[in-house]
Structures are given as C-alpha cells and as structure tokens.
Amino acid sequence: MTHPTVGHPAGLPDDPRADVTAPTPECPVEITLAALHGRWTTLVIRELLRGDHSYSELRAALPVMSDKVLSDRLAHLTRAGVVDRDRRPSWPPRVRYTLTPNGHRLGPVLQALWDWGAYGEEPRSTGDDPVGLRELPVHPKADGAARC
C-alpha cells in the first residue's frame, strides 16, 4: 500500500514551486517555523507585540520561564531578524528588546495559530485562555473571540 500523499504535489496549492518534495531552507513555511521554533518563543513574541521591553520586564511578564530559556529565545529571535536588541549607553547599561518590522508581521501568524488551535478541532478547554493570547488583537478581521 502506498502512502496517501505519494503522487500528490508538495507545497501549498498556490505555490509555483509545488513540485518540491522535501522541505528546503528557502521555503517560506520552513523559514517561519524556524523563527517560531522552541517552547516559549511565541509568548516572547506576544509580549513584544505589546511594546518594547527590557529583559527584566520580559522576565516579570513570563515568570515561569527560566532565565536561560529567556536568554536563549531572545538570542534566537535576534539572529532570526525578529527582534532588535538595543543597548543604550548608560550606567548600568540598559537594553531594550523590540520587534523588527518582520517581527511585527508575525502577529497575524500567531493569530492564525491561535485560531487553528481554538477552532481546528473540538475545543480542549471551556473557553479559558491559559497563555493570554486573547488579550492582544493583531488580526484586522478579529471578531473578538480569538486574540493573540
């Protein structure tokens, strides 16, 4: 028996390169998934969608997250071009983290992930929002039910 996808074009339906049969580094979906890689990454982005933050502000907003993981996620997001690290000359040195224009473009992506998770299958909860994604509207067509 063959796998159900054998013989079917890869990629999204409107992708002109739909004959690709394996993920490539140039694939826009793979680029996006690489930027969002890692537990807590989406929550760091969520906080930065609300505005720029210092490390300690991010730490306070995500108290369960360890210092090592927060540092790793900020470094990863900076390398991925999602976050800018602005070191301001002063004593003690001050660092602010802010989303780049590409980082801001992840807002609707998070909204789509939220929508898929909330509506893509039977609800797993009674309407609660354990990670606080409903608090920040990022999708221009958001109806108030799903927020990210």
C-alpha atoms as a PDB file:
ATOM      1  CA  MET A   1       0.000   0.000   0.000  1.00  0.00           C
ATOM      2  CA  THR A   2       1.381   3.416  -0.880  1.00  0.00           C
ATOM      3  CA  HIS A   3       1.281   6.452   1.347  1.00  0.00           C
ATOM      4  CA  PRO A   4      -1.751   8.670   0.593  1.00  0.00           C
ATOM      5  CA  THR A   5       0.461  11.611  -0.384  1.00  0.00           C
ATOM      6  CA  VAL A   6       2.531   9.714  -2.939  1.00  0.00           C
ATOM      7  CA  GLY A   7       1.984  11.242  -6.350  1.00  0.00           C
ATOM      8  CA  HIS A   8       0.433  14.420  -4.958  1.00  0.00           C
ATOM      9  CA  PRO A   9       2.206  17.751  -5.430  1.00  0.00           C
ATOM     10  CA  ALA A  10       4.016  19.134  -2.405  1.00  0.00           C
ATOM     11  CA  GLY A  11       3.734  22.690  -1.179  1.00  0.00           C
ATOM     12  CA  LEU A  12       0.702  24.882  -0.848  1.00  0.00           C
ATOM     13  CA  PRO A  13      -1.846  24.932  -3.685  1.00  0.00           C
ATOM     14  CA  ASP A  14      -0.814  28.372  -4.941  1.00  0.00           C
ATOM     15  CA  ASP A  15       2.930  27.709  -4.648  1.00  0.00           C
ATOM     16  CA  PRO A  16       4.607  27.927  -8.066  1.00  0.00           C
ATOM     17  CA  ARG A  17       7.252  25.505  -6.760  1.00  0.00           C
ATOM     18  CA  ALA A  18       4.665  22.872  -5.842  1.00  0.00           C
ATOM     19  CA  ASP A  19       6.866  20.127  -7.273  1.00  0.00           C
ATOM     20  CA  VAL A  20       9.233  20.335  -4.264  1.00  0.00           C
ATOM     21  CA  THR A  21       9.139  17.016  -2.423  1.00  0.00           C
ATOM     22  CA  ALA A  22      11.152  17.892   0.687  1.00  0.00           C
ATOM     23  CA  PRO A  23      11.472  20.962   2.906  1.00  0.00           C
ATOM     24  CA  THR A  24      14.071  23.430   1.699  1.00  0.00           C
ATOM     25  CA  PRO A  25      15.696  26.329   3.557  1.00  0.00           C
ATOM     26  CA  GLU A  26      14.100  28.735   1.061  1.00  0.00           C
ATOM     27  CA  CYS A  27      10.575  27.512   1.802  1.00  0.00           C
ATOM     28  CA  PRO A  28       8.606  30.389   3.388  1.00  0.00           C
ATOM     29  CA  VAL A  29       6.793  27.994   5.710  1.00  0.00           C
ATOM     30  CA  GLU A  30      10.079  26.484   6.909  1.00  0.00           C
ATOM     31  CA  ILE A  31      11.538  29.975   7.442  1.00  0.00           C
ATOM     32  CA  THR A  32       8.533  30.932   9.567  1.00  0.00           C
ATOM     33  CA  LEU A  33       8.607  27.703  11.558  1.00  0.00           C
ATOM     34  CA  ALA A  34      12.344  28.139  12.165  1.00  0.00           C
ATOM     35  CA  ALA A  35      11.722  31.651  13.515  1.00  0.00           C
ATOM     36  CA  LEU A  36       8.992  30.359  15.857  1.00  0.00           C
ATOM     37  CA  HIS A  37      10.995  27.283  16.901  1.00  0.00           C
ATOM     38  CA  GLY A  38      11.201  26.469  20.572  1.00  0.00           C
ATOM     39  CA  ARG A  39       8.884  26.384  23.517  1.00  0.00           C
ATOM     40  CA  TRP A  40       8.036  29.857  24.847  1.00  0.00           C
ATOM     41  CA  THR A  41       9.078  31.621  21.632  1.00  0.00           C
ATOM     42  CA  THR A  42       5.530  32.601  20.738  1.00  0.00           C
ATOM     43  CA  LEU A  43       4.976  34.015  24.220  1.00  0.00           C
ATOM     44  CA  VAL A  44       8.093  36.180  23.976  1.00  0.00           C
ATOM     45  CA  ILE A  45       6.801  37.487  20.646  1.00  0.00           C
ATOM     46  CA  ARG A  46       3.364  38.055  22.196  1.00  0.00           C
ATOM     47  CA  GLU A  47       4.899  40.228  24.908  1.00  0.00           C
ATOM     48  CA  LEU A  48       6.936  42.198  22.373  1.00  0.00           C
ATOM     49  CA  LEU A  49       3.822  42.762  20.245  1.00  0.00           C
ATOM     50  CA  ARG A  50       2.605  44.809  23.215  1.00  0.00           C
ATOM     51  CA  GLY A  51       5.667  47.065  23.011  1.00  0.00           C
ATOM     52  CA  ASP A  52       9.391  47.118  23.670  1.00  0.00           C
ATOM     53  CA  HIS A  53      10.608  45.589  26.922  1.00  0.00           C
ATOM     54  CA  SER A  54      13.730  45.276  28.994  1.00  0.00           C
ATOM     55  CA  TYR A  55      14.933  41.820  29.953  1.00  0.00           C
ATOM     56  CA  SER A  56      13.557  42.240  33.473  1.00  0.00           C
ATOM     57  CA  GLU A  57      10.152  43.327  32.130  1.00  0.00           C
ATOM     58  CA  LEU A  58      10.002  40.225  29.945  1.00  0.00           C
ATOM     59  CA  ARG A  59      11.104  38.136  32.910  1.00  0.00           C
ATOM     60  CA  ALA A  60       8.285  39.587  35.038  1.00  0.00           C
ATOM     61  CA  ALA A  61       5.720  39.033  32.257  1.00  0.00           C
ATOM     62  CA  LEU A  62       6.768  35.383  31.881  1.00  0.00           C
ATOM     63  CA  PRO A  63       7.634  34.366  35.470  1.00  0.00           C
ATOM     64  CA  VAL A  64       7.585  30.601  34.872  1.00  0.00           C
ATOM     65  CA  MET A  65      10.200  30.881  32.122  1.00  0.00           C
ATOM     66  CA  SER A  66      13.795  30.350  33.293  1.00  0.00           C
ATOM     67  CA  ASP A  67      16.494  32.971  32.718  1.00  0.00           C
ATOM     68  CA  LYS A  68      18.414  30.589  30.465  1.00  0.00           C
ATOM     69  CA  VAL A  69      15.410  29.886  28.242  1.00  0.00           C
ATOM     70  CA  LEU A  70      14.502  33.586  28.008  1.00  0.00           C
ATOM     71  CA  SER A  71      18.098  34.466  27.079  1.00  0.00           C
ATOM     72  CA  ASP A  72      18.181  31.658  24.507  1.00  0.00           C
ATOM     73  CA  ARG A  73      14.867  32.717  22.957  1.00  0.00           C
ATOM     74  CA  LEU A  74      15.886  36.374  22.732  1.00  0.00           C
ATOM     75  CA  ALA A  75      19.213  35.419  21.123  1.00  0.00           C
ATOM     76  CA  HIS A  76      17.428  33.102  18.661  1.00  0.00           C
ATOM     77  CA  LEU A  77      14.838  35.750  17.749  1.00  0.00           C
ATOM     78  CA  THR A  78      17.579  38.342  17.312  1.00  0.00           C
ATOM     79  CA  ARG A  79      19.543  36.050  14.979  1.00  0.00           C
ATOM     80  CA  ALA A  80      16.336  35.297  13.052  1.00  0.00           C
ATOM     81  CA  GLY A  81      15.750  39.011  12.453  1.00  0.00           C
ATOM     82  CA  VAL A  82      12.553  39.038  14.509  1.00  0.00           C
ATOM     83  CA  VAL A  83      13.843  41.075  17.472  1.00  0.00           C
ATOM     84  CA  ASP A  84      16.164  44.055  17.731  1.00  0.00           C
ATOM     85  CA  ARG A  85      18.394  44.317  20.794  1.00  0.00           C
ATOM     86  CA  ASP A  86      19.003  47.988  21.521  1.00  0.00           C
ATOM     87  CA  ARG A  87      21.824  48.571  24.009  1.00  0.00           C
ATOM     88  CA  ARG A  88      21.648  52.120  25.308  1.00  0.00           C
ATOM     89  CA  PRO A  89      24.778  53.725  26.697  1.00  0.00           C
ATOM     90  CA  SER A  90      24.339  54.413  30.389  1.00  0.00           C
ATOM     91  CA  TRP A  91      25.412  53.070  33.698  1.00  0.00           C
ATOM     92  CA  PRO A  92      24.236  50.480  34.340  1.00  0.00           C
ATOM     93  CA  PRO A  93      23.855  49.557  30.682  1.00  0.00           C
ATOM     94  CA  ARG A  94      20.248  49.444  29.507  1.00  0.00           C
ATOM     95  CA  VAL A  95      18.996  47.008  26.881  1.00  0.00           C
ATOM     96  CA  ARG A  96      15.567  47.154  25.249  1.00  0.00           C
ATOM     97  CA  TYR A  97      14.092  44.456  23.048  1.00  0.00           C
ATOM     98  CA  THR A  98      11.685  45.380  20.283  1.00  0.00           C
ATOM     99  CA  LEU A  99      10.187  43.606  17.308  1.00  0.00           C
ATOM    100  CA  THR A 100      11.579  44.355  13.877  1.00  0.00           C
ATOM    101  CA  PRO A 101       9.108  45.036  11.049  1.00  0.00           C
ATOM    102  CA  ASN A 102       9.370  41.318  10.181  1.00  0.00           C
ATOM    103  CA  GLY A 103       8.709  40.506  13.822  1.00  0.00           C
ATOM    104  CA  HIS A 104       5.526  42.571  13.774  1.00  0.00           C
ATOM    105  CA  ARG A 105       4.427  40.607  10.708  1.00  0.00           C
ATOM    106  CA  LEU A 106       4.335  37.502  12.933  1.00  0.00           C
ATOM    107  CA  GLY A 107       1.312  38.916  14.773  1.00  0.00           C
ATOM    108  CA  PRO A 108      -1.189  37.609  12.200  1.00  0.00           C
ATOM    109  CA  VAL A 109       0.749  34.320  12.100  1.00  0.00           C
ATOM    110  CA  LEU A 110       0.231  33.908  15.845  1.00  0.00           C
ATOM    111  CA  GLN A 111      -3.415  34.834  15.354  1.00  0.00           C
ATOM    112  CA  ALA A 112      -3.752  32.121  12.700  1.00  0.00           C
ATOM    113  CA  LEU A 113      -2.084  29.585  15.015  1.00  0.00           C
ATOM    114  CA  TRP A 114      -4.449  30.608  17.802  1.00  0.00           C
ATOM    115  CA  ASP A 115      -7.457  30.291  15.504  1.00  0.00           C
ATOM    116  CA  TRP A 116      -6.342  26.888  14.282  1.00  0.00           C
ATOM    117  CA  GLY A 117      -5.748  25.635  17.806  1.00  0.00           C
ATOM    118  CA  ALA A 118      -9.032  27.026  19.072  1.00  0.00           C
ATOM    119  CA  TYR A 119     -11.223  26.064  16.142  1.00  0.00           C
ATOM    120  CA  GLY A 120      -9.299  23.412  14.217  1.00  0.00           C
ATOM    121  CA  GLU A 121     -10.674  20.594  16.330  1.00  0.00           C
ATOM    122  CA  GLU A 122     -13.030  20.067  19.215  1.00  0.00           C
ATOM    123  CA  PRO A 123     -12.278  22.593  21.966  1.00  0.00           C
ATOM    124  CA  ARG A 124      -9.961  21.187  24.603  1.00  0.00           C
ATOM    125  CA  SER A 125     -10.965  23.714  27.240  1.00  0.00           C
ATOM    126  CA  THR A 126     -14.061  25.515  28.416  1.00  0.00           C
ATOM    127  CA  GLY A 127     -13.068  28.780  26.790  1.00  0.00           C
ATOM    128  CA  ASP A 128     -10.201  29.681  29.070  1.00  0.00           C
ATOM    129  CA  ASP A 129      -7.079  31.229  27.604  1.00  0.00           C
ATOM    130  CA  PRO A 130      -4.152  29.815  29.608  1.00  0.00           C
ATOM    131  CA  VAL A 131      -1.451  31.649  27.679  1.00  0.00           C
ATOM    132  CA  GLY A 132      -3.216  35.008  27.308  1.00  0.00           C
ATOM    133  CA  LEU A 133      -3.420  35.077  23.528  1.00  0.00           C
ATOM    134  CA  ARG A 134      -6.860  36.681  23.542  1.00  0.00           C
ATOM    135  CA  GLU A 135      -5.549  39.815  25.210  1.00  0.00           C
ATOM    136  CA  LEU A 136      -3.949  41.408  22.175  1.00  0.00           C
ATOM    137  CA  PRO A 137      -5.836  41.932  18.922  1.00  0.00           C
ATOM    138  CA  VAL A 138      -3.497  41.516  15.988  1.00  0.00           C
ATOM    139  CA  HIS A 139      -5.753  40.458  13.169  1.00  0.00           C
ATOM    140  CA  PRO A 140      -7.742  43.208  11.444  1.00  0.00           C
ATOM    141  CA  LYS A 141     -10.688  40.840  10.985  1.00  0.00           C
ATOM    142  CA  ALA A 142     -10.625  39.504  14.547  1.00  0.00           C
ATOM    143  CA  ASP A 143     -14.175  39.159  15.815  1.00  0.00           C
ATOM    144  CA  GLY A 144     -13.209  39.452  19.460  1.00  0.00           C
ATOM    145  CA  ALA A 145     -13.351  35.714  20.124  1.00  0.00           C
ATOM    146  CA  ALA A 146      -9.767  34.868  19.182  1.00  0.00           C
ATOM    147  CA  ARG A 147      -6.909  37.156  20.123  1.00  0.00           C
ATOM    148  CA  CYS A 148      -3.173  36.761  20.081  1.00  0.00           C
END
